[in-house]
Amino acid sequence: MPSIRFGNKAIPLPKNRTARVAIGSGFLLGGALGFLPVLGFWMVPVGLVVLSHDSPRVRRIRRKSEVALLRRWAKWQGKTAPAAK
């Protein structure tokens, strides 16, 4: 069963591909309306993570942004950047 992992926590996703795409798209649309109360811009990365389970294009974008963010974090911390897998 697909799941999203945040450290030691795993959040299960539906087995149905259509349901996962609907959930991911809903998060992206909610993030686009982030200026409203309750909805927020935090929903955009969550939607991309959910969609990355089914879309190679979104997976590539998510992975590149994750590597760039980790390199920037390592540089800010004064450490060497992690090697690419």
Protein backbone atom coordinates (compact mmCIF):
# COMPACT_ATOMS: atom_id res chain seq x y z
CA MET A 1 0.00 0.00 0.00
CA PRO A 2 1.42 3.44 -0.88
CA SER A 3 2.24 5.76 1.99
CA ILE A 4 3.92 9.07 2.73
CA ARG A 5 6.75 8.90 5.25
CA PHE A 6 7.75 11.81 7.49
CA GLY A 7 10.63 10.58 9.61
CA ASN A 8 9.24 7.69 11.67
CA LYS A 9 5.60 8.38 10.78
CA ALA A 10 3.85 6.82 7.79
CA ILE A 11 0.56 8.16 6.48
CA PRO A 12 -1.26 5.60 4.29
CA LEU A 13 -2.67 6.60 0.92
CA PRO A 14 -5.62 4.95 -0.83
CA LYS A 15 -4.85 1.94 -3.04
CA ASN A 16 -6.95 3.39 -5.84
CA ARG A 17 -4.88 5.53 -8.24
CA THR A 18 -7.85 7.77 -9.06
CA ALA A 19 -8.37 8.55 -5.38
CA ARG A 20 -4.68 9.43 -4.92
CA VAL A 21 -4.74 11.75 -7.94
CA ALA A 22 -7.94 13.40 -6.65
CA ILE A 23 -6.42 13.93 -3.18
CA GLY A 24 -3.18 15.34 -4.62
CA SER A 25 -5.04 17.64 -7.00
CA GLY A 26 -7.29 18.78 -4.16
CA PHE A 27 -4.26 19.73 -2.08
CA LEU A 28 -2.78 21.66 -5.03
CA LEU A 29 -6.03 23.53 -5.61
CA GLY A 30 -6.34 24.29 -1.90
CA GLY A 31 -2.76 25.57 -1.91
CA ALA A 32 -3.56 27.87 -4.82
CA LEU A 33 -6.19 29.42 -2.54
CA GLY A 34 -3.68 29.73 0.29
CA PHE A 35 -4.61 33.32 1.07
CA LEU A 36 -7.93 32.09 2.51
CA PRO A 37 -8.28 30.99 6.15
CA VAL A 38 -7.70 27.27 6.86
CA LEU A 39 -6.33 26.66 3.37
CA GLY A 40 -2.67 27.48 3.08
CA PHE A 41 0.37 27.40 0.88
CA TRP A 42 1.55 24.37 2.90
CA MET A 43 -0.88 22.31 0.84
CA VAL A 44 1.16 22.67 -2.38
CA PRO A 45 4.15 20.52 -1.31
CA VAL A 46 1.83 17.94 0.25
CA GLY A 47 -0.12 17.72 -3.01
CA LEU A 48 3.10 17.28 -4.98
CA VAL A 49 4.24 14.48 -2.67
CA VAL A 50 0.90 12.66 -3.09
CA LEU A 51 0.96 13.11 -6.87
CA SER A 52 4.59 11.98 -7.09
CA HIS A 53 3.49 8.41 -6.31
CA ASP A 54 1.73 8.19 -9.69
CA SER A 55 3.41 10.72 -11.97
CA PRO A 56 7.05 10.39 -13.06
CA ARG A 57 7.14 14.06 -14.08
CA VAL A 58 6.00 15.26 -10.64
CA ARG A 59 8.36 12.74 -9.00
CA ARG A 60 11.30 14.22 -10.96
CA ILE A 61 10.36 17.79 -9.95
CA ARG A 62 9.94 16.77 -6.30
CA ARG A 63 13.28 14.93 -6.25
CA LYS A 64 15.20 17.82 -7.85
CA SER A 65 13.72 20.33 -5.41
CA GLU A 66 14.46 18.00 -2.49
CA VAL A 67 18.12 17.64 -3.53
CA ALA A 68 18.47 21.41 -4.03
CA LEU A 69 16.92 22.09 -0.63
CA LEU A 70 19.21 19.58 1.12
CA ARG A 71 22.28 21.06 -0.59
CA ARG A 72 21.25 24.56 0.47
CA TRP A 73 20.65 23.32 4.03
CA ALA A 74 24.04 21.60 4.16
CA LYS A 75 25.76 24.74 2.85
CA TRP A 76 23.97 26.84 5.46
CA GLN A 77 25.05 24.40 8.17
CA GLY A 78 28.65 24.49 6.90
CA LYS A 79 28.71 20.84 5.93
CA THR A 80 29.52 19.27 2.60
CA ALA A 81 26.58 18.51 0.31
CA PRO A 82 25.25 14.94 0.32
CA ALA A 83 26.23 12.79 -2.64
CA ALA A 84 23.58 12.17 -5.30
CA LYS A 85 22.12 8.67 -5.38
